[in-house]
Amino acid sequence: MTDLTLRAIRAKHGDCLLLFAEDATVLVDGGPSGVYQRFLRDQLEALPKNGDEPPLIDLLMVSHIDADHIDGILDLTDELIEARDEERDPVVHIRRAWCNGFPDTIAKITGAGVAASRADAASLASALDELDFGDFDPCDSKLVLSSVGQGRQLRLDLKALNIDVNQRFKNRLALLGNAASPWKCGALSLDVIGPSQEQIDDLKKKWAKDLNKILKKEADAETAAHSMDTSVSNLASIVVFAEAGGKTALLTGDARGKMIMEWLEETGRLAPGGSVHFDILKNPHHGSKRNVTPEFFERVTADHYVFCGDGKHGNPEPETLKMLFEARPNLDYTVHMTYGPDDLRSHKEFKKKGLIAALDDVLSTPERRAVLRFPAEGEKHIDIIV
């Protein structure tokens, strides 16, 4: 039987995943700044060569355009372009890519232009300077909107590298229902189950109607910490169902649990009021409690849960682990963390939020501690093989 392997790379507060099945390699996200050089590049170099050619990435997928998912990918494409220009072998070849970015939509709404090339990146900063951000600090707003420029830049890089983007999807958007069938490569199949066109249309309307309010909410970390996740880019996360040899994985990006359940129902994988089980579940949004509910953990279950996060922004939040443990008290599963409890306790933001005592309380029993697995000292990743 074909193995399905998810490799979760230490990506600080972001996501960086490699998915393997027989004759198929998929790279999902690249983490924030610094992750490519410190962690991801070595992983790519170590992949088996494609004959006499560099390793092959069958699919590059960027779940959404937030910096903690896209920065490492931009570092990769920058290096690939440099290797091409210098006529040397690249670290990898990429056959195709999936990513959804909405910079052109935002540019039309705001009346601002976007950078046309990496060399013209300064024009993006100039365009952001011209936006009317209302009564709050435009510097904070630039941080929020920077992902717009990153999404645009990725598209330009992929075009320069002659890598197909969303070619198999209607309107070149990787959305639920926009492909006639799941993508297949060797034994692996991937099916995009979210977001839907309806939600993307809602996002566009939301940006057009209430841009300043959205920006202010996203820039206000304290406000966001006490509300459900309504980040525009997070709501647009690509959610993928993966299957190989009867083994399954659900990769959720930073999507909300409620939306994920709706998409699973719409695709017939989750019966109304019922439950669905996966071999692997990549927990949404680095274990933020804003993205999941007890119902989510009761209805969407797995043998292996993956939590990506190093304590920044308080993620993975102890409340999320508590929800999981209480929803599934039998503890007949494994929780894989890219950073261990000691790493979380030592992160200044985790400390600042006063979460150490809450984490210790959640992990107060040996039975709960026993289901945790994280990289050993010096390891840069953790493999989940099913």
Protein backbone atom coordinates (compact mmCIF):
# COMPACT_ATOMS: atom_id res chain seq x y z
CA MET A 1 0.00 0.00 0.00
CA THR A 2 1.26 3.48 -0.89
CA ASP A 3 2.50 5.60 2.00
CA LEU A 4 1.30 9.17 2.39
CA THR A 5 3.83 11.38 4.18
CA LEU A 6 3.40 14.91 5.45
CA ARG A 7 6.63 16.63 6.46
CA ALA A 8 6.05 19.62 8.74
CA ILE A 9 9.11 21.86 8.64
CA ARG A 10 10.02 24.13 11.54
CA ALA A 11 8.72 27.39 10.10
CA LYS A 12 8.61 29.67 13.16
CA HIS A 13 5.05 31.06 13.33
CA GLY A 14 4.16 30.00 9.78
CA ASP A 15 3.42 26.94 7.67
CA CYS A 16 5.91 25.03 5.50
CA LEU A 17 4.92 21.53 4.43
CA LEU A 18 6.09 18.84 2.03
CA LEU A 19 3.61 16.17 0.98
CA PHE A 20 4.95 12.93 -0.49
CA ALA A 21 3.34 9.92 -2.11
CA GLU A 22 4.61 7.47 -4.69
CA ASP A 23 6.15 9.51 -7.56
CA ALA A 24 4.68 12.78 -6.26
CA THR A 25 6.13 15.71 -4.29
CA VAL A 26 4.09 18.75 -3.28
CA LEU A 27 5.39 21.86 -1.51
CA VAL A 28 2.76 23.73 0.51
CA ASP A 29 3.76 27.21 1.74
CA GLY A 30 7.23 28.42 2.67
CA GLY A 31 6.90 30.05 6.07
CA PRO A 32 7.89 33.63 7.01
CA SER A 33 11.13 35.45 6.35
CA GLY A 34 14.24 33.42 7.21
CA VAL A 35 12.62 29.99 6.99
CA TYR A 36 13.79 29.28 3.44
CA GLN A 37 17.47 29.80 4.18
CA ARG A 38 17.41 28.20 7.65
CA PHE A 39 15.18 25.22 7.07
CA LEU A 40 13.44 24.77 3.71
CA ARG A 41 16.38 25.04 1.32
CA ASP A 42 18.19 22.10 2.93
CA GLN A 43 15.03 20.01 2.65
CA LEU A 44 14.73 20.75 -1.06
CA GLU A 45 18.41 20.05 -1.73
CA ALA A 46 18.04 16.65 -0.02
CA LEU A 47 15.19 15.51 -2.28
CA PRO A 48 16.03 12.75 -4.76
CA LYS A 49 17.27 14.01 -8.11
CA ASN A 50 15.13 13.64 -11.21
CA GLY A 51 17.64 11.53 -13.12
CA ASP A 52 20.53 13.88 -13.88
CA GLU A 53 18.30 16.90 -13.22
CA PRO A 54 17.62 18.73 -9.94
CA PRO A 55 14.75 17.44 -7.75
CA LEU A 56 11.25 17.93 -9.09
CA ILE A 57 8.39 19.61 -7.26
CA ASP A 58 5.26 18.37 -9.01
CA LEU A 59 3.11 21.06 -7.42
CA LEU A 60 3.80 24.24 -5.46
CA MET A 61 0.77 25.42 -3.50
CA VAL A 62 0.52 28.67 -1.56
CA SER A 63 -2.53 28.38 0.68
CA HIS A 64 -2.92 32.18 0.89
CA ILE A 65 -0.85 35.33 0.60
CA ASP A 66 -0.03 36.08 4.24
CA ALA A 67 3.69 36.65 4.89
CA ASP A 68 3.98 33.65 7.24
CA HIS A 69 3.07 31.39 4.32
CA ILE A 70 4.47 33.16 1.26
CA ASP A 71 7.79 34.78 2.27
CA GLY A 72 9.79 31.54 2.00
CA ILE A 73 8.26 30.80 -1.40
CA LEU A 74 9.33 34.23 -2.67
CA ASP A 75 12.86 33.51 -1.43
CA LEU A 76 12.75 30.26 -3.40
CA THR A 77 11.47 31.84 -6.63
CA ASP A 78 14.00 34.66 -6.28
CA GLU A 79 16.81 32.07 -6.12
CA LEU A 80 15.35 30.14 -9.07
CA ILE A 81 15.32 33.28 -11.18
CA GLU A 82 18.89 34.06 -10.16
CA ALA A 83 20.00 30.52 -11.09
CA ARG A 84 18.32 30.85 -14.50
CA ASP A 85 19.98 34.21 -15.17
CA GLU A 86 23.37 32.82 -14.14
CA GLU A 87 22.82 29.65 -16.20
CA ARG A 88 23.35 27.25 -13.31
CA ASP A 89 21.26 24.39 -11.98
CA PRO A 90 18.36 25.44 -9.74
CA VAL A 91 17.81 23.87 -6.33
CA VAL A 92 14.58 22.34 -7.71
CA HIS A 93 12.38 22.40 -10.79
CA ILE A 94 8.70 23.31 -10.22
CA ARG A 95 6.19 21.90 -12.69
CA ARG A 96 3.06 23.85 -11.73
CA ALA A 97 1.64 26.10 -9.01
CA TRP A 98 -1.63 26.85 -7.29
CA CYS A 99 -2.13 30.17 -5.55
CA ASN A 100 -4.95 32.66 -5.20
CA GLY A 101 -4.05 36.33 -4.87
CA PHE A 102 -6.30 39.31 -5.28
CA PRO A 103 -3.92 42.24 -5.80
CA ASP A 104 -5.51 43.38 -9.04
CA THR A 105 -8.92 43.46 -7.37
CA ILE A 106 -7.52 45.49 -4.49
CA ALA A 107 -5.76 47.85 -6.88
CA LYS A 108 -9.02 48.55 -8.72
CA ILE A 109 -10.88 49.15 -5.46
CA THR A 110 -8.30 51.54 -4.04
CA GLY A 111 -7.24 53.18 -7.27
CA ALA A 112 -3.61 52.28 -6.57
CA GLY A 113 -1.22 50.65 -8.98
CA VAL A 114 0.97 47.67 -8.14
CA ALA A 115 4.54 46.82 -8.95
CA ALA A 116 5.00 45.43 -12.47
CA SER A 117 8.31 43.71 -11.76
CA ARG A 118 10.72 42.93 -8.95
CA ALA A 119 12.93 45.78 -10.15
CA ASP A 120 9.94 48.12 -9.90
CA ALA A 121 9.01 47.06 -6.37
CA ALA A 122 9.46 50.63 -5.11
CA SER A 123 6.33 51.61 -7.04
CA LEU A 124 4.26 49.37 -4.76
CA ALA A 125 5.46 51.25 -1.68
CA SER A 126 4.67 54.50 -3.45
CA ALA A 127 1.18 53.26 -4.31
CA LEU A 128 0.54 52.31 -0.68
CA ASP A 129 1.65 55.79 0.38
CA GLU A 130 -1.15 57.23 -1.73
CA LEU A 131 -3.93 55.22 -0.10
CA ASP A 132 -6.32 56.92 2.32
CA PHE A 133 -6.19 54.86 5.53
CA GLY A 134 -8.37 57.12 7.65
CA ASP A 135 -7.54 57.88 11.26
CA PHE A 136 -4.99 55.17 12.02
CA ASP A 137 -1.29 54.75 11.43
CA PRO A 138 -0.61 54.07 7.72
CA CYS A 139 2.56 52.18 8.66
CA ASP A 140 0.43 49.46 10.29
CA SER A 141 -1.79 49.41 7.22
CA LYS A 142 1.22 48.90 4.97
CA LEU A 143 2.11 45.79 6.95
CA VAL A 144 -1.38 44.42 6.37
CA LEU A 145 -1.39 45.30 2.68
CA SER A 146 2.16 44.08 2.08
CA SER A 147 0.79 40.62 1.35
CA VAL A 148 -1.01 42.13 -1.63
CA GLY A 149 2.34 43.06 -3.14
CA GLN A 150 3.77 39.66 -2.23
CA GLY A 151 0.94 37.87 -4.00
CA ARG A 152 1.50 39.99 -7.06
CA GLN A 153 5.24 39.37 -6.94
CA LEU A 154 4.78 35.63 -6.73
CA ARG A 155 2.61 35.69 -9.84
CA LEU A 156 5.29 37.68 -11.66
CA ASP A 157 8.06 35.32 -10.51
CA LEU A 158 6.15 32.23 -11.58
CA LYS A 159 5.44 33.80 -14.97
CA ALA A 160 9.14 34.65 -15.37
CA LEU A 161 9.98 31.01 -14.58
CA ASN A 162 7.35 29.76 -17.06
CA ILE A 163 5.49 27.89 -14.32
CA ASP A 164 1.78 27.32 -14.95
CA VAL A 165 -0.46 28.90 -12.30
CA ASN A 166 -3.94 27.51 -11.65
CA GLN A 167 -4.08 26.31 -15.25
CA ARG A 168 -6.56 23.51 -14.55
CA PHE A 169 -9.05 25.79 -12.77
CA LYS A 170 -11.86 27.79 -14.34
CA ASN A 171 -11.02 31.51 -14.39
CA ARG A 172 -7.57 30.56 -13.09
CA LEU A 173 -8.85 30.50 -9.50
CA ALA A 174 -8.24 27.46 -7.28
CA LEU A 175 -11.75 27.27 -5.83
CA LEU A 176 -14.30 24.64 -4.89
CA GLY A 177 -15.94 23.37 -8.09
CA ASN A 178 -13.54 25.14 -10.48
CA ALA A 179 -11.85 21.91 -11.63
CA ALA A 180 -13.61 19.05 -13.38
CA SER A 181 -11.77 16.44 -11.31
CA PRO A 182 -9.11 16.12 -8.61
CA TRP A 183 -5.49 16.64 -9.68
CA LYS A 184 -3.56 13.38 -9.91
CA CYS A 185 0.17 12.68 -9.89
CA GLY A 186 1.34 9.12 -9.47
CA ALA A 187 -0.61 7.66 -6.56
CA LEU A 188 -1.52 11.08 -5.15
CA SER A 189 -4.72 13.00 -5.76
CA LEU A 190 -5.55 16.49 -4.51
CA ASP A 191 -9.02 18.00 -4.49
CA VAL A 192 -9.59 21.67 -3.67
CA ILE A 193 -12.64 21.83 -1.39
CA GLY A 194 -12.48 25.51 -0.49
CA PRO A 195 -12.90 28.42 -0.69
CA SER A 196 -16.00 28.73 -2.84
CA GLN A 197 -16.76 31.35 -5.49
CA GLU A 198 -19.52 32.70 -3.27
CA GLN A 199 -17.08 33.40 -0.46
CA ILE A 200 -14.56 35.01 -2.80
CA ASP A 201 -17.30 37.28 -4.16
CA ASP A 202 -18.23 38.18 -0.60
CA LEU A 203 -14.60 39.02 0.14
CA LYS A 204 -14.40 41.34 -2.84
CA LYS A 205 -17.56 43.13 -1.73
CA LYS A 206 -16.23 43.35 1.81
CA TRP A 207 -13.01 44.97 0.63
CA ALA A 208 -14.91 47.41 -1.58
CA LYS A 209 -17.43 48.38 1.08
CA ASP A 210 -15.35 48.52 4.22
CA LEU A 211 -11.63 48.54 3.38
CA ASN A 212 -10.53 50.85 6.19
CA LYS A 213 -12.46 48.96 8.85
CA ILE A 214 -10.94 45.64 7.74
CA LEU A 215 -7.44 47.07 7.75
CA LYS A 216 -7.88 48.58 11.19
CA LYS A 217 -9.17 45.32 12.63
CA GLU A 218 -6.31 43.32 11.11
CA ALA A 219 -3.75 45.83 12.39
CA ASP A 220 -5.19 45.73 15.92
CA ALA A 221 -3.80 42.51 17.36
CA GLU A 222 -5.56 42.92 20.70
CA THR A 223 -8.97 43.26 19.04
CA ALA A 224 -8.32 40.35 16.72
CA ALA A 225 -7.26 38.14 19.62
CA HIS A 226 -10.77 38.29 21.07
CA SER A 227 -12.79 37.71 17.90
CA MET A 228 -13.34 34.99 15.37
CA ASP A 229 -10.80 35.06 12.57
CA THR A 230 -12.20 37.25 9.78
CA SER A 231 -8.92 38.11 8.07
CA VAL A 232 -9.62 38.54 4.38
CA SER A 233 -6.61 36.53 3.24
CA ASN A 234 -7.23 33.78 5.81
CA LEU A 235 -10.82 33.36 4.66
CA ALA A 236 -9.45 32.85 1.15
CA SER A 237 -7.17 29.99 2.21
CA ILE A 238 -7.05 27.07 -0.20
CA VAL A 239 -8.20 23.92 1.61
CA VAL A 240 -7.17 20.61 0.04
CA PHE A 241 -8.22 16.98 0.48
CA ALA A 242 -5.29 14.68 -0.28
CA GLU A 243 -5.49 10.92 -0.90
CA ALA A 244 -2.99 8.21 -1.79
CA GLY A 245 -3.54 4.48 -1.56
CA GLY A 246 -6.61 4.94 0.63
CA LYS A 247 -4.73 7.21 3.09
CA THR A 248 -6.10 10.73 3.52
CA ALA A 249 -5.02 14.17 4.69
CA LEU A 250 -6.81 17.49 5.07
CA LEU A 251 -4.65 20.59 4.63
CA THR A 252 -6.50 23.62 5.94
CA GLY A 253 -4.23 26.66 5.60
CA ASP A 254 -5.63 29.35 7.88
CA ALA A 255 -9.29 28.69 7.06
CA ARG A 256 -12.05 28.70 9.69
CA GLY A 257 -13.38 25.43 11.03
CA LYS A 258 -16.99 26.38 10.31
CA MET A 259 -16.17 27.02 6.65
CA ILE A 260 -14.19 23.78 6.42
CA MET A 261 -17.18 21.79 7.70
CA GLU A 262 -19.46 23.52 5.18
CA TRP A 263 -17.10 22.64 2.31
CA LEU A 264 -16.78 19.05 3.49
CA GLU A 265 -20.58 18.80 3.53
CA GLU A 266 -20.86 20.40 0.10
CA THR A 267 -18.42 17.88 -1.38
CA GLY A 268 -20.24 14.96 0.26
CA ARG A 269 -17.40 14.02 2.60
CA LEU A 270 -19.25 15.09 5.75
CA ALA A 271 -22.89 14.17 6.32
CA PRO A 272 -25.06 16.85 7.99
CA GLY A 273 -24.75 16.23 11.70
CA GLY A 274 -22.24 13.45 11.10
CA SER A 275 -18.47 13.13 11.29
CA VAL A 276 -15.56 12.45 8.95
CA HIS A 277 -12.18 10.91 9.74
CA PHE A 278 -8.77 11.58 8.16
CA ASP A 279 -5.40 9.98 8.68
CA ILE A 280 -3.80 13.45 8.93
CA LEU A 281 -5.33 16.84 9.74
CA LYS A 282 -3.21 19.99 9.53
CA ASN A 283 -4.87 22.13 12.17
CA PRO A 284 -6.11 25.52 10.89
CA HIS A 285 -4.24 28.76 11.54
CA HIS A 286 -1.38 27.48 13.71
CA GLY A 287 -3.71 26.31 16.47
CA SER A 288 -5.54 29.60 16.97
CA LYS A 289 -8.66 29.14 19.06
CA ARG A 290 -10.48 31.63 16.83
CA ASN A 291 -10.53 29.18 13.93
CA VAL A 292 -11.96 26.08 15.62
CA THR A 293 -14.73 25.02 17.97
CA PRO A 294 -15.44 21.89 20.01
CA GLU A 295 -17.88 20.89 17.26
CA PHE A 296 -15.07 20.99 14.70
CA PHE A 297 -12.94 18.55 16.69
CA GLU A 298 -15.95 16.30 17.32
CA ARG A 299 -17.01 16.14 13.67
CA VAL A 300 -13.67 16.37 11.83
CA THR A 301 -11.37 13.79 13.42
CA ALA A 302 -7.96 12.36 12.63
CA ASP A 303 -5.33 9.88 13.75
CA HIS A 304 -2.66 12.57 13.43
CA TYR A 305 -3.09 16.28 14.17
CA VAL A 306 -0.41 18.74 13.04
CA PHE A 307 0.10 22.05 14.84
CA CYS A 308 2.51 24.54 13.21
CA GLY A 309 3.61 27.42 15.43
CA ASP A 310 6.40 28.54 17.77
CA GLY A 311 4.44 30.61 20.29
CA LYS A 312 4.25 33.88 18.34
CA HIS A 313 0.78 35.41 18.62
CA GLY A 314 0.19 32.81 21.35
CA ASN A 315 -0.12 29.97 18.82
CA PRO A 316 -0.74 27.10 19.20
CA GLU A 317 -3.12 28.29 21.91
CA PRO A 318 -3.58 26.06 24.96
CA GLU A 319 -7.34 26.55 24.62
CA THR A 320 -7.22 24.83 21.22
CA LEU A 321 -5.38 21.82 22.64
CA LYS A 322 -7.90 21.74 25.49
CA MET A 323 -10.76 21.72 22.97
CA LEU A 324 -9.21 18.77 21.17
CA PHE A 325 -8.50 16.78 24.33
CA GLU A 326 -12.02 17.37 25.67
CA ALA A 327 -13.69 16.60 22.34
CA ARG A 328 -11.72 13.34 22.04
CA PRO A 329 -10.93 12.24 25.61
CA ASN A 330 -9.87 8.71 24.59
CA LEU A 331 -6.59 10.21 23.33
CA ASP A 332 -6.36 7.59 20.57
CA TYR A 333 -4.42 9.89 18.26
CA THR A 334 -1.10 11.75 18.04
CA VAL A 335 -0.57 15.51 18.19
CA HIS A 336 2.48 16.56 16.16
CA MET A 337 3.92 20.00 16.93
CA THR A 338 6.64 21.77 14.98
CA TYR A 339 7.79 23.27 18.29
CA GLY A 340 7.51 21.63 21.69
CA PRO A 341 6.02 22.91 24.97
CA ASP A 342 9.39 24.24 26.14
CA ASP A 343 9.76 26.25 22.92
CA LEU A 344 6.31 27.76 23.42
CA ARG A 345 7.00 28.64 27.05
CA SER A 346 10.19 30.46 26.06
CA HIS A 347 8.62 32.62 23.33
CA LYS A 348 8.23 36.21 24.54
CA GLU A 349 4.75 36.64 23.04
CA PHE A 350 3.52 33.39 24.58
CA LYS A 351 4.82 34.65 27.93
CA LYS A 352 3.36 38.13 27.42
CA LYS A 353 -0.09 36.68 26.80
CA GLY A 354 0.14 34.76 30.08
CA LEU A 355 -0.33 31.38 28.43
CA ILE A 356 2.34 29.35 30.22
CA ALA A 357 0.08 28.42 33.14
CA ALA A 358 -2.74 27.54 30.74
CA LEU A 359 -0.43 25.29 28.73
CA ASP A 360 0.84 23.56 31.88
CA ASP A 361 -2.74 23.00 32.97
CA VAL A 362 -3.75 21.47 29.63
CA LEU A 363 -0.71 19.17 29.73
CA SER A 364 -0.98 18.40 33.43
CA THR A 365 -1.67 14.68 32.98
CA PRO A 366 0.86 12.13 31.70
CA GLU A 367 -1.79 10.71 29.36
CA ARG A 368 -2.08 13.99 27.47
CA ARG A 369 1.66 14.52 27.35
CA ALA A 370 2.05 11.03 25.93
CA VAL A 371 0.16 11.91 22.73
CA LEU A 372 2.49 14.82 21.92
CA ARG A 373 5.28 14.44 19.39
CA PHE A 374 7.66 17.15 18.21
CA PRO A 375 11.10 17.43 16.57
CA ALA A 376 14.04 16.21 18.63
CA GLU A 377 16.78 18.67 19.43
CA GLY A 378 18.53 19.73 16.23
CA GLU A 379 15.84 18.32 13.92
CA LYS A 380 14.36 20.74 11.39
CA HIS A 381 11.20 18.84 10.61
CA ILE A 382 8.85 16.10 11.71
CA ASP A 383 7.45 13.40 9.39
CA ILE A 384 3.96 11.97 9.69
CA ILE A 385 3.81 8.73 7.69
CA VAL A 386 0.55 6.84 7.25
